[in-house]
Amino acid sequence: MDTVGEIYQIADELRSVAHMGSRYAEDPYNLERYRRVLSLSARLVAAIEERSPDDVIEEYEGNLSHITPFVGADAAVFRNERILLIRREDNGLWAMPGGITDVGETWAESAERELREEAGVCGKATKLLGIFDSRLWGSRSKNQFYSGVWLVNVSDGQTPVAGPETTGIGFFLEDDLPDLSPGHLRRVPLAFQLARGDFPVPYFDSES
């Protein structure tokens, strides 16, 4: 994990501790300590992003229920031995279509929805290729999340188009990949291997 990613992870863990502690603290002195922990978390994020800690605290207070990692889904779509990638608007780098799972939808449905929104095509999630911990795969997300990479079948008659949050789209060979977003730098090559059957699926992270 790079330095920025590690700092985001530390800040996210501090925020989780602060929110959980504040929820159950009865002693006013302990409550004040947890508020201090939350403030330290905000200062870390503010230092990375060069903005005010107060702005970060405001974002935190809009998400006080966050005490566990997020869950997201990516769509791995293959055609003629090429994988479908989108170019992200936020960093200009390439990634599999994906995002956070919404309340009320299944994990597989979230992969299908993200594919529709970011690539303009409809598909059916048929197999869970792997489950990835953002801390271990180079993501620079502010929050820890678990991403499920789903194999999604799309009919040949559909032509992908860039969505509102994407600035490019295309199919790429395994040995000719574009500049990948940090969280996808190693996951995209592994997606080829998992889809091909080089390793058992679903893959899951293990530090043992």
N, C-alpha and C. Protein backbone atom coordinates (compact mmCIF):
# COMPACT_ATOMS: atom_id res chain seq x y z
N MET A 1 0.84 -1.18 0.00
CA MET A 1 0.00 0.00 0.00
C MET A 1 0.88 1.25 0.00
N ASP A 2 0.53 2.27 -0.83
CA ASP A 2 1.33 3.48 -0.86
C ASP A 2 0.99 4.36 0.34
N THR A 3 1.75 5.42 0.52
CA THR A 3 1.62 6.26 1.71
C THR A 3 0.24 6.91 1.81
N VAL A 4 -0.25 7.44 0.70
CA VAL A 4 -1.56 8.10 0.72
C VAL A 4 -2.65 7.10 1.09
N GLY A 5 -2.59 5.92 0.49
CA GLY A 5 -3.58 4.90 0.80
C GLY A 5 -3.54 4.49 2.27
N GLU A 6 -2.33 4.39 2.83
CA GLU A 6 -2.19 4.01 4.23
C GLU A 6 -2.75 5.09 5.15
N ILE A 7 -2.53 6.35 4.81
CA ILE A 7 -3.06 7.44 5.63
C ILE A 7 -4.58 7.45 5.58
N TYR A 8 -5.16 7.24 4.38
CA TYR A 8 -6.61 7.15 4.29
C TYR A 8 -7.14 6.00 5.14
N GLN A 9 -6.43 4.87 5.13
CA GLN A 9 -6.86 3.73 5.93
C GLN A 9 -6.84 4.06 7.42
N ILE A 10 -5.76 4.70 7.87
CA ILE A 10 -5.66 5.08 9.27
C ILE A 10 -6.79 6.05 9.65
N ALA A 11 -7.03 7.04 8.79
CA ALA A 11 -8.09 8.00 9.05
C ALA A 11 -9.45 7.31 9.10
N ASP A 12 -9.67 6.35 8.22
CA ASP A 12 -10.95 5.65 8.20
C ASP A 12 -11.15 4.81 9.46
N GLU A 13 -10.08 4.17 9.91
CA GLU A 13 -10.18 3.38 11.13
C GLU A 13 -10.42 4.27 12.35
N LEU A 14 -9.75 5.43 12.39
CA LEU A 14 -9.98 6.37 13.48
C LEU A 14 -11.43 6.86 13.48
N ARG A 15 -11.94 7.13 12.29
CA ARG A 15 -13.33 7.58 12.20
C ARG A 15 -14.29 6.51 12.71
N SER A 16 -14.04 5.26 12.33
CA SER A 16 -14.90 4.17 12.78
C SER A 16 -14.87 4.02 14.29
N VAL A 17 -13.65 4.09 14.87
CA VAL A 17 -13.52 4.01 16.33
C VAL A 17 -14.28 5.15 17.00
N ALA A 18 -14.14 6.36 16.46
CA ALA A 18 -14.80 7.53 17.04
C ALA A 18 -16.31 7.42 16.98
N HIS A 19 -16.84 6.99 15.85
CA HIS A 19 -18.28 6.87 15.72
C HIS A 19 -18.84 5.78 16.63
N MET A 20 -18.18 4.64 16.67
CA MET A 20 -18.64 3.57 17.53
C MET A 20 -18.55 3.97 19.00
N GLY A 21 -17.41 4.58 19.38
CA GLY A 21 -17.24 5.00 20.76
C GLY A 21 -18.25 6.05 21.18
N SER A 22 -18.52 7.01 20.29
CA SER A 22 -19.48 8.06 20.60
C SER A 22 -20.88 7.50 20.78
N ARG A 23 -21.18 6.46 20.06
CA ARG A 23 -22.52 5.87 20.14
C ARG A 23 -22.77 5.24 21.50
N TYR A 24 -21.74 4.65 22.09
CA TYR A 24 -21.93 3.89 23.33
C TYR A 24 -21.32 4.56 24.56
N ALA A 25 -20.58 5.65 24.39
CA ALA A 25 -19.95 6.31 25.54
C ALA A 25 -21.00 6.96 26.43
N GLU A 26 -20.88 6.74 27.75
CA GLU A 26 -21.78 7.34 28.72
C GLU A 26 -21.08 8.45 29.51
N ASP A 27 -19.79 8.30 29.69
CA ASP A 27 -19.01 9.29 30.41
C ASP A 27 -18.71 10.47 29.50
N PRO A 28 -19.02 11.70 29.93
CA PRO A 28 -18.76 12.87 29.06
C PRO A 28 -17.30 13.05 28.70
N TYR A 29 -16.40 12.64 29.59
CA TYR A 29 -14.98 12.75 29.29
C TYR A 29 -14.58 11.79 28.16
N ASN A 30 -15.14 10.57 28.20
CA ASN A 30 -14.87 9.63 27.11
C ASN A 30 -15.47 10.11 25.80
N LEU A 31 -16.65 10.72 25.88
CA LEU A 31 -17.28 11.25 24.66
C LEU A 31 -16.40 12.33 24.04
N GLU A 32 -15.81 13.17 24.89
CA GLU A 32 -14.92 14.21 24.39
C GLU A 32 -13.67 13.61 23.74
N ARG A 33 -13.18 12.50 24.31
CA ARG A 33 -12.01 11.83 23.73
C ARG A 33 -12.33 11.29 22.34
N TYR A 34 -13.52 10.73 22.18
CA TYR A 34 -13.90 10.20 20.87
C TYR A 34 -14.07 11.32 19.86
N ARG A 35 -14.55 12.46 20.32
CA ARG A 35 -14.65 13.61 19.41
C ARG A 35 -13.26 14.06 18.97
N ARG A 36 -12.32 13.96 19.89
CA ARG A 36 -10.93 14.29 19.56
C ARG A 36 -10.38 13.33 18.52
N VAL A 37 -10.69 12.04 18.67
CA VAL A 37 -10.25 11.04 17.70
C VAL A 37 -10.84 11.35 16.32
N LEU A 38 -12.11 11.73 16.29
CA LEU A 38 -12.75 12.08 15.02
C LEU A 38 -12.07 13.29 14.39
N SER A 39 -11.71 14.25 15.22
CA SER A 39 -11.02 15.45 14.73
C SER A 39 -9.67 15.10 14.14
N LEU A 40 -8.94 14.18 14.78
CA LEU A 40 -7.64 13.76 14.26
C LEU A 40 -7.79 13.07 12.91
N SER A 41 -8.83 12.25 12.79
CA SER A 41 -9.09 11.59 11.51
C SER A 41 -9.34 12.64 10.42
N ALA A 42 -10.16 13.64 10.73
CA ALA A 42 -10.47 14.69 9.75
C ALA A 42 -9.22 15.48 9.37
N ARG A 43 -8.33 15.71 10.33
CA ARG A 43 -7.10 16.45 10.04
C ARG A 43 -6.21 15.67 9.07
N LEU A 44 -6.17 14.36 9.22
CA LEU A 44 -5.37 13.55 8.30
C LEU A 44 -5.90 13.67 6.87
N VAL A 45 -7.21 13.51 6.71
CA VAL A 45 -7.82 13.61 5.37
C VAL A 45 -7.64 15.01 4.81
N ALA A 46 -7.83 16.02 5.65
CA ALA A 46 -7.69 17.41 5.20
C ALA A 46 -6.26 17.70 4.74
N ALA A 47 -5.27 17.13 5.43
CA ALA A 47 -3.88 17.35 5.05
C ALA A 47 -3.58 16.74 3.68
N ILE A 48 -4.15 15.57 3.40
CA ILE A 48 -3.94 14.91 2.11
C ILE A 48 -4.58 15.72 0.99
N GLU A 49 -5.81 16.18 1.24
CA GLU A 49 -6.60 16.81 0.20
C GLU A 49 -6.48 18.33 0.19
N GLU A 50 -5.67 18.87 1.10
CA GLU A 50 -5.41 20.30 1.16
C GLU A 50 -6.70 21.10 1.27
N ARG A 51 -7.50 20.76 2.26
CA ARG A 51 -8.72 21.51 2.53
C ARG A 51 -8.96 21.59 4.03
N SER A 52 -10.05 22.20 4.41
CA SER A 52 -10.31 22.47 5.81
C SER A 52 -10.78 21.21 6.56
N PRO A 53 -10.25 20.96 7.77
CA PRO A 53 -10.76 19.85 8.59
C PRO A 53 -12.25 19.99 8.88
N ASP A 54 -12.73 21.23 8.99
CA ASP A 54 -14.16 21.43 9.25
C ASP A 54 -15.02 20.87 8.12
N ASP A 55 -14.53 20.99 6.87
CA ASP A 55 -15.28 20.44 5.73
C ASP A 55 -15.33 18.93 5.82
N VAL A 56 -14.23 18.32 6.24
CA VAL A 56 -14.19 16.87 6.37
C VAL A 56 -15.13 16.41 7.49
N ILE A 57 -15.11 17.13 8.62
CA ILE A 57 -16.01 16.81 9.73
C ILE A 57 -17.47 16.88 9.27
N GLU A 58 -17.79 17.88 8.46
CA GLU A 58 -19.16 18.02 7.95
C GLU A 58 -19.55 16.80 7.12
N GLU A 59 -18.62 16.31 6.29
CA GLU A 59 -18.89 15.09 5.53
C GLU A 59 -19.09 13.90 6.46
N TYR A 60 -18.25 13.81 7.48
CA TYR A 60 -18.37 12.72 8.44
C TYR A 60 -19.75 12.73 9.10
N GLU A 61 -20.19 13.91 9.50
CA GLU A 61 -21.47 14.01 10.21
C GLU A 61 -22.65 13.67 9.31
N GLY A 62 -22.44 13.73 8.02
CA GLY A 62 -23.48 13.30 7.09
C GLY A 62 -23.48 11.80 6.86
N ASN A 63 -22.54 11.11 7.50
CA ASN A 63 -22.42 9.67 7.30
C ASN A 63 -22.09 8.99 8.64
N LEU A 64 -22.84 9.34 9.68
CA LEU A 64 -22.52 8.84 11.02
C LEU A 64 -22.78 7.35 11.17
N SER A 65 -23.53 6.75 10.24
CA SER A 65 -23.82 5.32 10.35
C SER A 65 -22.67 4.45 9.88
N HIS A 66 -21.64 5.07 9.29
CA HIS A 66 -20.55 4.27 8.73
C HIS A 66 -19.65 3.73 9.84
N ILE A 67 -19.83 2.46 10.21
CA ILE A 67 -18.98 1.82 11.20
C ILE A 67 -18.45 0.50 10.67
N THR A 68 -18.71 0.20 9.41
CA THR A 68 -18.18 -1.01 8.78
C THR A 68 -17.71 -0.64 7.37
N PRO A 69 -16.90 -1.48 6.74
CA PRO A 69 -16.46 -1.19 5.38
C PRO A 69 -17.64 -1.15 4.41
N PHE A 70 -17.47 -0.38 3.34
CA PHE A 70 -18.45 -0.37 2.26
C PHE A 70 -18.34 -1.66 1.45
N VAL A 71 -19.37 -1.93 0.66
CA VAL A 71 -19.38 -3.05 -0.28
C VAL A 71 -19.60 -2.50 -1.68
N GLY A 72 -18.77 -2.92 -2.62
CA GLY A 72 -18.91 -2.48 -3.99
C GLY A 72 -18.83 -3.64 -4.96
N ALA A 73 -19.06 -3.36 -6.23
CA ALA A 73 -19.02 -4.40 -7.26
C ALA A 73 -18.43 -3.86 -8.55
N ASP A 74 -17.61 -4.66 -9.20
CA ASP A 74 -17.06 -4.35 -10.51
C ASP A 74 -17.56 -5.37 -11.52
N ALA A 75 -17.74 -4.92 -12.75
CA ALA A 75 -18.19 -5.80 -13.83
C ALA A 75 -17.02 -6.14 -14.74
N ALA A 76 -16.71 -7.43 -14.83
CA ALA A 76 -15.67 -7.90 -15.74
C ALA A 76 -16.36 -8.44 -17.00
N VAL A 77 -16.25 -7.69 -18.08
CA VAL A 77 -16.90 -8.04 -19.35
C VAL A 77 -15.81 -8.35 -20.37
N PHE A 78 -15.90 -9.53 -20.99
CA PHE A 78 -14.89 -9.94 -21.97
C PHE A 78 -15.54 -10.13 -23.33
N ARG A 79 -14.78 -9.74 -24.36
CA ARG A 79 -15.22 -9.95 -25.75
C ARG A 79 -13.98 -10.14 -26.61
N ASN A 80 -13.92 -11.27 -27.28
CA ASN A 80 -12.78 -11.58 -28.16
C ASN A 80 -11.44 -11.45 -27.42
N GLU A 81 -11.41 -12.02 -26.21
CA GLU A 81 -10.21 -12.04 -25.37
C GLU A 81 -9.79 -10.65 -24.92
N ARG A 82 -10.71 -9.69 -24.96
CA ARG A 82 -10.46 -8.34 -24.49
C ARG A 82 -11.40 -8.03 -23.33
N ILE A 83 -10.94 -7.17 -22.42
CA ILE A 83 -11.77 -6.77 -21.28
C ILE A 83 -12.27 -5.34 -21.49
N LEU A 84 -13.50 -5.10 -21.08
CA LEU A 84 -14.11 -3.78 -21.19
C LEU A 84 -13.64 -2.90 -20.03
N LEU A 85 -13.09 -1.74 -20.35
CA LEU A 85 -12.64 -0.79 -19.34
C LEU A 85 -13.22 0.59 -19.63
N ILE A 86 -13.42 1.35 -18.56
CA ILE A 86 -13.88 2.73 -18.68
C ILE A 86 -12.78 3.66 -18.16
N ARG A 87 -12.70 4.87 -18.74
CA ARG A 87 -11.76 5.85 -18.23
C ARG A 87 -12.48 6.76 -17.26
N ARG A 88 -12.01 6.77 -16.01
CA ARG A 88 -12.66 7.51 -14.96
C ARG A 88 -12.52 9.01 -15.14
N GLU A 89 -13.59 9.71 -14.78
CA GLU A 89 -13.57 11.17 -14.90
C GLU A 89 -12.69 11.80 -13.82
N ASP A 90 -12.62 11.15 -12.63
CA ASP A 90 -11.93 11.79 -11.51
C ASP A 90 -10.41 11.80 -11.65
N ASN A 91 -9.83 10.72 -12.20
CA ASN A 91 -8.36 10.70 -12.30
C ASN A 91 -7.83 10.44 -13.71
N GLY A 92 -8.73 10.26 -14.67
CA GLY A 92 -8.31 10.06 -16.05
C GLY A 92 -7.70 8.70 -16.34
N LEU A 93 -7.78 7.78 -15.37
CA LEU A 93 -7.21 6.45 -15.53
C LEU A 93 -8.32 5.43 -15.80
N TRP A 94 -7.90 4.23 -16.17
CA TRP A 94 -8.85 3.22 -16.63
C TRP A 94 -9.16 2.18 -15.54
N ALA A 95 -10.38 1.63 -15.61
CA ALA A 95 -10.82 0.68 -14.59
C ALA A 95 -11.98 -0.14 -15.14
N MET A 96 -12.28 -1.23 -14.46
CA MET A 96 -13.52 -1.95 -14.76
C MET A 96 -14.71 -1.11 -14.30
N PRO A 97 -15.84 -1.15 -14.99
CA PRO A 97 -17.03 -0.44 -14.50
C PRO A 97 -17.39 -0.96 -13.12
N GLY A 98 -17.69 -0.04 -12.20
CA GLY A 98 -18.02 -0.49 -10.86
C GLY A 98 -18.29 0.66 -9.91
N GLY A 99 -18.76 0.30 -8.72
CA GLY A 99 -19.06 1.30 -7.71
C GLY A 99 -19.68 0.66 -6.49
N ILE A 100 -20.17 1.50 -5.58
CA ILE A 100 -20.73 1.04 -4.32
C ILE A 100 -22.12 0.41 -4.55
N THR A 101 -22.37 -0.69 -3.85
CA THR A 101 -23.67 -1.36 -3.91
C THR A 101 -24.72 -0.52 -3.19
N ASP A 102 -25.88 -0.33 -3.82
CA ASP A 102 -26.96 0.43 -3.22
C ASP A 102 -27.81 -0.45 -2.32
N VAL A 103 -28.39 0.17 -1.29
CA VAL A 103 -29.34 -0.53 -0.44
C VAL A 103 -30.53 -0.97 -1.29
N GLY A 104 -30.94 -2.22 -1.11
CA GLY A 104 -32.10 -2.73 -1.84
C GLY A 104 -31.78 -3.53 -3.08
N GLU A 105 -30.51 -3.64 -3.45
CA GLU A 105 -30.14 -4.45 -4.60
C GLU A 105 -29.16 -5.54 -4.18
N THR A 106 -29.15 -6.62 -4.92
CA THR A 106 -28.20 -7.68 -4.63
C THR A 106 -26.81 -7.25 -5.09
N TRP A 107 -25.81 -7.99 -4.63
CA TRP A 107 -24.44 -7.68 -5.02
C TRP A 107 -24.27 -7.78 -6.53
N ALA A 108 -24.83 -8.85 -7.11
CA ALA A 108 -24.73 -9.04 -8.56
C ALA A 108 -25.47 -7.92 -9.31
N GLU A 109 -26.62 -7.53 -8.79
CA GLU A 109 -27.38 -6.46 -9.45
C GLU A 109 -26.60 -5.15 -9.47
N SER A 110 -25.81 -4.89 -8.43
CA SER A 110 -25.03 -3.65 -8.41
C SER A 110 -23.97 -3.64 -9.50
N ALA A 111 -23.38 -4.81 -9.79
CA ALA A 111 -22.42 -4.89 -10.89
C ALA A 111 -23.11 -4.61 -12.23
N GLU A 112 -24.31 -5.17 -12.40
CA GLU A 112 -25.07 -4.95 -13.63
C GLU A 112 -25.47 -3.48 -13.78
N ARG A 113 -25.89 -2.86 -12.67
CA ARG A 113 -26.29 -1.45 -12.73
C ARG A 113 -25.11 -0.54 -13.05
N GLU A 114 -23.98 -0.78 -12.39
CA GLU A 114 -22.80 0.05 -12.67
C GLU A 114 -22.38 -0.09 -14.12
N LEU A 115 -22.51 -1.27 -14.68
CA LEU A 115 -22.18 -1.48 -16.09
C LEU A 115 -23.10 -0.66 -16.98
N ARG A 116 -24.39 -0.63 -16.66
CA ARG A 116 -25.34 0.17 -17.45
C ARG A 116 -25.01 1.65 -17.35
N GLU A 117 -24.72 2.11 -16.12
CA GLU A 117 -24.50 3.54 -15.89
C GLU A 117 -23.19 4.02 -16.50
N GLU A 118 -22.15 3.21 -16.42
CA GLU A 118 -20.82 3.66 -16.83
C GLU A 118 -20.43 3.23 -18.24
N ALA A 119 -21.12 2.22 -18.79
CA ALA A 119 -20.75 1.73 -20.12
C ALA A 119 -21.93 1.66 -21.07
N GLY A 120 -23.14 1.94 -20.59
CA GLY A 120 -24.30 2.00 -21.47
C GLY A 120 -24.75 0.69 -22.06
N VAL A 121 -24.41 -0.45 -21.43
CA VAL A 121 -24.84 -1.74 -21.94
C VAL A 121 -25.47 -2.55 -20.81
N CYS A 122 -26.35 -3.46 -21.18
CA CYS A 122 -27.01 -4.34 -20.21
C CYS A 122 -26.36 -5.71 -20.24
N GLY A 123 -26.17 -6.30 -19.08
CA GLY A 123 -25.57 -7.62 -19.01
C GLY A 123 -26.09 -8.39 -17.82
N LYS A 124 -25.72 -9.66 -17.74
CA LYS A 124 -26.14 -10.55 -16.67
C LYS A 124 -24.91 -11.06 -15.93
N ALA A 125 -24.85 -10.79 -14.62
CA ALA A 125 -23.76 -11.30 -13.80
C ALA A 125 -23.93 -12.80 -13.62
N THR A 126 -22.93 -13.57 -14.01
CA THR A 126 -23.05 -15.02 -14.01
C THR A 126 -22.12 -15.73 -13.01
N LYS A 127 -21.06 -15.04 -12.59
CA LYS A 127 -20.10 -15.70 -11.70
C LYS A 127 -19.32 -14.66 -10.90
N LEU A 128 -19.15 -14.94 -9.61
CA LEU A 128 -18.31 -14.09 -8.77
C LEU A 128 -16.87 -14.55 -8.93
N LEU A 129 -16.04 -13.68 -9.52
CA LEU A 129 -14.64 -14.04 -9.76
C LEU A 129 -13.78 -13.86 -8.52
N GLY A 130 -14.05 -12.83 -7.72
CA GLY A 130 -13.21 -12.59 -6.56
C GLY A 130 -13.75 -11.50 -5.67
N ILE A 131 -13.25 -11.49 -4.43
CA ILE A 131 -13.61 -10.49 -3.43
C ILE A 131 -12.32 -9.83 -2.99
N PHE A 132 -12.24 -8.49 -3.10
CA PHE A 132 -10.99 -7.78 -2.92
C PHE A 132 -11.12 -6.72 -1.83
N ASP A 133 -10.16 -6.69 -0.93
CA ASP A 133 -10.08 -5.72 0.15
C ASP A 133 -9.29 -4.51 -0.35
N SER A 134 -9.90 -3.33 -0.31
CA SER A 134 -9.26 -2.14 -0.87
C SER A 134 -7.91 -1.84 -0.23
N ARG A 135 -7.70 -2.24 1.03
CA ARG A 135 -6.43 -1.98 1.71
C ARG A 135 -5.27 -2.73 1.07
N LEU A 136 -5.59 -3.89 0.46
CA LEU A 136 -4.55 -4.79 -0.02
C LEU A 136 -4.30 -4.67 -1.52
N TRP A 137 -5.12 -3.87 -2.22
CA TRP A 137 -5.02 -3.83 -3.67
C TRP A 137 -4.73 -2.43 -4.21
N GLY A 138 -4.17 -1.58 -3.38
CA GLY A 138 -3.66 -0.31 -3.87
C GLY A 138 -4.68 0.79 -4.09
N SER A 139 -5.92 0.59 -3.63
CA SER A 139 -6.93 1.63 -3.83
C SER A 139 -6.61 2.83 -2.96
N ARG A 140 -6.91 4.02 -3.48
CA ARG A 140 -6.72 5.25 -2.70
C ARG A 140 -8.04 5.77 -2.17
N SER A 141 -9.00 4.89 -2.01
CA SER A 141 -10.29 5.30 -1.45
C SER A 141 -10.11 5.80 -0.02
N LYS A 142 -10.92 6.78 0.37
CA LYS A 142 -10.87 7.29 1.73
C LYS A 142 -11.38 6.24 2.72
N ASN A 143 -12.28 5.39 2.27
CA ASN A 143 -12.91 4.41 3.14
C ASN A 143 -12.53 3.00 2.72
N GLN A 144 -12.36 2.12 3.70
CA GLN A 144 -12.14 0.72 3.36
C GLN A 144 -13.40 0.14 2.71
N PHE A 145 -13.22 -0.67 1.68
CA PHE A 145 -14.37 -1.32 1.08
C PHE A 145 -13.96 -2.68 0.52
N TYR A 146 -14.96 -3.54 0.38
CA TYR A 146 -14.77 -4.85 -0.23
C TYR A 146 -15.45 -4.83 -1.59
N SER A 147 -14.70 -5.15 -2.62
CA SER A 147 -15.25 -5.12 -3.98
C SER A 147 -15.35 -6.54 -4.53
N GLY A 148 -16.53 -6.87 -5.00
CA GLY A 148 -16.72 -8.15 -5.67
C GLY A 148 -16.60 -7.95 -7.18
N VAL A 149 -15.71 -8.69 -7.81
CA VAL A 149 -15.58 -8.62 -9.26
C VAL A 149 -16.44 -9.73 -9.87
N TRP A 150 -17.43 -9.32 -10.64
CA TRP A 150 -18.39 -10.26 -11.22
C TRP A 150 -18.15 -10.41 -12.72
N LEU A 151 -18.18 -11.64 -13.19
CA LEU A 151 -18.16 -11.91 -14.63
C LEU A 151 -19.56 -11.61 -15.16
N VAL A 152 -19.64 -10.67 -16.12
CA VAL A 152 -20.94 -10.25 -16.65
C VAL A 152 -20.98 -10.51 -18.14
N ASN A 153 -22.01 -11.22 -18.57
CA ASN A 153 -22.18 -11.53 -19.99
C ASN A 153 -22.99 -10.43 -20.67
N VAL A 154 -22.47 -9.95 -21.80
CA VAL A 154 -23.13 -8.90 -22.58
C VAL A 154 -23.23 -9.39 -24.02
N SER A 155 -24.39 -9.20 -24.64
CA SER A 155 -24.58 -9.66 -26.01
C SER A 155 -23.71 -8.87 -26.96
N ASP A 156 -23.27 -9.52 -28.04
CA ASP A 156 -22.36 -8.88 -29.01
C ASP A 156 -23.01 -7.71 -29.73
N GLY A 157 -24.34 -7.67 -29.77
CA GLY A 157 -25.01 -6.61 -30.52
C GLY A 157 -24.99 -5.25 -29.83
N GLN A 158 -24.56 -5.21 -28.58
CA GLN A 158 -24.54 -3.95 -27.84
C GLN A 158 -23.19 -3.24 -27.98
N THR A 159 -23.25 -1.93 -28.16
CA THR A 159 -22.04 -1.13 -28.28
C THR A 159 -21.87 -0.26 -27.05
N PRO A 160 -20.81 -0.45 -26.26
CA PRO A 160 -20.61 0.36 -25.06
C PRO A 160 -20.39 1.84 -25.41
N VAL A 161 -20.92 2.70 -24.57
CA VAL A 161 -20.72 4.14 -24.72
C VAL A 161 -20.39 4.72 -23.34
N ALA A 162 -19.57 5.75 -23.31
CA ALA A 162 -19.18 6.37 -22.04
C ALA A 162 -20.39 7.01 -21.38
N GLY A 163 -20.47 6.86 -20.04
CA GLY A 163 -21.56 7.44 -19.28
C GLY A 163 -21.18 8.79 -18.70
N PRO A 164 -22.04 9.35 -17.82
CA PRO A 164 -21.80 10.68 -17.25
C PRO A 164 -20.51 10.77 -16.42
N GLU A 165 -20.07 9.65 -15.83
CA GLU A 165 -18.89 9.68 -14.97
C GLU A 165 -17.66 9.10 -15.66
N THR A 166 -17.74 8.88 -16.96
CA THR A 166 -16.62 8.30 -17.69
C THR A 166 -16.28 9.17 -18.90
N THR A 167 -15.00 9.19 -19.26
CA THR A 167 -14.58 10.02 -20.39
C THR A 167 -14.03 9.18 -21.55
N GLY A 168 -14.09 7.87 -21.41
CA GLY A 168 -13.63 6.99 -22.48
C GLY A 168 -14.04 5.57 -22.19
N ILE A 169 -14.02 4.74 -23.21
CA ILE A 169 -14.43 3.35 -23.04
C ILE A 169 -13.81 2.52 -24.15
N GLY A 170 -13.50 1.26 -23.86
CA GLY A 170 -12.93 0.41 -24.89
C GLY A 170 -12.64 -0.99 -24.38
N PHE A 171 -12.35 -1.90 -25.32
CA PHE A 171 -11.94 -3.26 -25.00
C PHE A 171 -10.43 -3.37 -25.18
N PHE A 172 -9.75 -4.05 -24.25
CA PHE A 172 -8.29 -4.10 -24.26
C PHE A 172 -7.78 -5.53 -24.06
N LEU A 173 -6.72 -5.86 -24.81
CA LEU A 173 -6.07 -7.15 -24.68
C LEU A 173 -5.28 -7.21 -23.37
N GLU A 174 -5.05 -8.43 -22.91
CA GLU A 174 -4.34 -8.63 -21.65
C GLU A 174 -2.93 -8.04 -21.67
N ASP A 175 -2.27 -8.10 -22.81
CA ASP A 175 -0.90 -7.59 -22.89
C ASP A 175 -0.83 -6.19 -23.49
N ASP A 176 -1.95 -5.49 -23.54
CA ASP A 176 -1.96 -4.14 -24.09
C ASP A 176 -2.95 -3.27 -23.31
N LEU A 177 -2.79 -3.25 -22.00
CA LEU A 177 -3.71 -2.51 -21.14
C LEU A 177 -3.31 -1.04 -21.06
N PRO A 178 -4.29 -0.15 -20.89
CA PRO A 178 -3.99 1.29 -20.74
C PRO A 178 -3.52 1.57 -19.31
N ASP A 179 -3.29 2.84 -19.00
CA ASP A 179 -2.90 3.24 -17.65
C ASP A 179 -4.08 3.01 -16.70
N LEU A 180 -3.87 2.12 -15.74
CA LEU A 180 -4.96 1.69 -14.87
C LEU A 180 -5.00 2.49 -13.57
N SER A 181 -6.22 2.69 -13.07
CA SER A 181 -6.42 3.33 -11.79
C SER A 181 -5.79 2.48 -10.69
N PRO A 182 -5.27 3.11 -9.60
CA PRO A 182 -4.52 2.36 -8.59
C PRO A 182 -5.20 1.07 -8.10
N GLY A 183 -6.49 1.13 -7.79
CA GLY A 183 -7.16 -0.06 -7.29
C GLY A 183 -7.32 -1.18 -8.31
N HIS A 184 -7.10 -0.86 -9.59
CA HIS A 184 -7.30 -1.83 -10.66
C HIS A 184 -5.99 -2.28 -11.30
N LEU A 185 -4.89 -1.71 -10.84
CA LEU A 185 -3.60 -1.96 -11.48
C LEU A 185 -3.25 -3.45 -11.50
N ARG A 186 -3.53 -4.15 -10.41
CA ARG A 186 -3.25 -5.59 -10.35
C ARG A 186 -4.51 -6.43 -10.49
N ARG A 187 -5.67 -5.83 -10.21
CA ARG A 187 -6.92 -6.60 -10.27
C ARG A 187 -7.36 -6.91 -11.70
N VAL A 188 -7.12 -5.97 -12.62
CA VAL A 188 -7.52 -6.23 -14.01
C VAL A 188 -6.75 -7.42 -14.60
N PRO A 189 -5.40 -7.46 -14.47
CA PRO A 189 -4.70 -8.65 -14.97
C PRO A 189 -5.17 -9.94 -14.30
N LEU A 190 -5.47 -9.86 -13.00
CA LEU A 190 -5.95 -11.07 -12.32
C LEU A 190 -7.33 -11.47 -12.81
N ALA A 191 -8.16 -10.48 -13.19
CA ALA A 191 -9.49 -10.81 -13.72
C ALA A 191 -9.39 -11.68 -14.97
N PHE A 192 -8.42 -11.39 -15.83
CA PHE A 192 -8.20 -12.24 -17.00
C PHE A 192 -7.92 -13.68 -16.57
N GLN A 193 -7.03 -13.84 -15.59
CA GLN A 193 -6.64 -15.17 -15.14
C GLN A 193 -7.79 -15.91 -14.48
N LEU A 194 -8.59 -15.20 -13.68
CA LEU A 194 -9.72 -15.83 -13.01
C LEU A 194 -10.80 -16.24 -14.01
N ALA A 195 -11.07 -15.37 -14.99
CA ALA A 195 -12.08 -15.69 -16.00
C ALA A 195 -11.65 -16.87 -16.87
N ARG A 196 -10.34 -16.98 -17.07
CA ARG A 196 -9.79 -18.05 -17.90
C ARG A 196 -9.73 -19.38 -17.16
N GLY A 197 -9.83 -19.33 -15.83
CA GLY A 197 -9.76 -20.55 -15.04
C GLY A 197 -8.37 -20.91 -14.58
N ASP A 198 -7.44 -19.94 -14.61
CA ASP A 198 -6.07 -20.22 -14.16
C ASP A 198 -6.02 -20.47 -12.65
N PHE A 199 -6.96 -19.89 -11.92
CA PHE A 199 -7.04 -20.06 -10.47
C PHE A 199 -8.48 -20.37 -10.08
N PRO A 200 -8.68 -21.03 -8.94
CA PRO A 200 -10.05 -21.31 -8.47
C PRO A 200 -10.79 -20.01 -8.18
N VAL A 201 -12.09 -20.01 -8.41
CA VAL A 201 -12.94 -18.86 -8.09
C VAL A 201 -14.01 -19.29 -7.08
N PRO A 202 -14.49 -18.36 -6.27
CA PRO A 202 -14.04 -16.97 -6.22
C PRO A 202 -12.72 -16.82 -5.47
N TYR A 203 -11.89 -15.92 -5.97
CA TYR A 203 -10.67 -15.55 -5.25
C TYR A 203 -11.07 -14.73 -4.02
N PHE A 204 -10.32 -14.89 -2.93
CA PHE A 204 -10.54 -14.00 -1.78
C PHE A 204 -9.19 -13.72 -1.13
N ASP A 205 -9.07 -12.52 -0.53
CA ASP A 205 -7.82 -12.10 0.08
C ASP A 205 -7.54 -12.88 1.35
N SER A 206 -6.30 -13.23 1.54
CA SER A 206 -5.87 -13.88 2.78
C SER A 206 -4.46 -13.45 3.07
N GLU A 207 -4.22 -12.99 4.28
CA GLU A 207 -2.89 -12.56 4.68
C GLU A 207 -2.13 -13.65 5.40
N SER A 208 -2.70 -14.84 5.49
CA SER A 208 -2.05 -15.96 6.17
C SER A 208 -1.05 -16.62 5.26
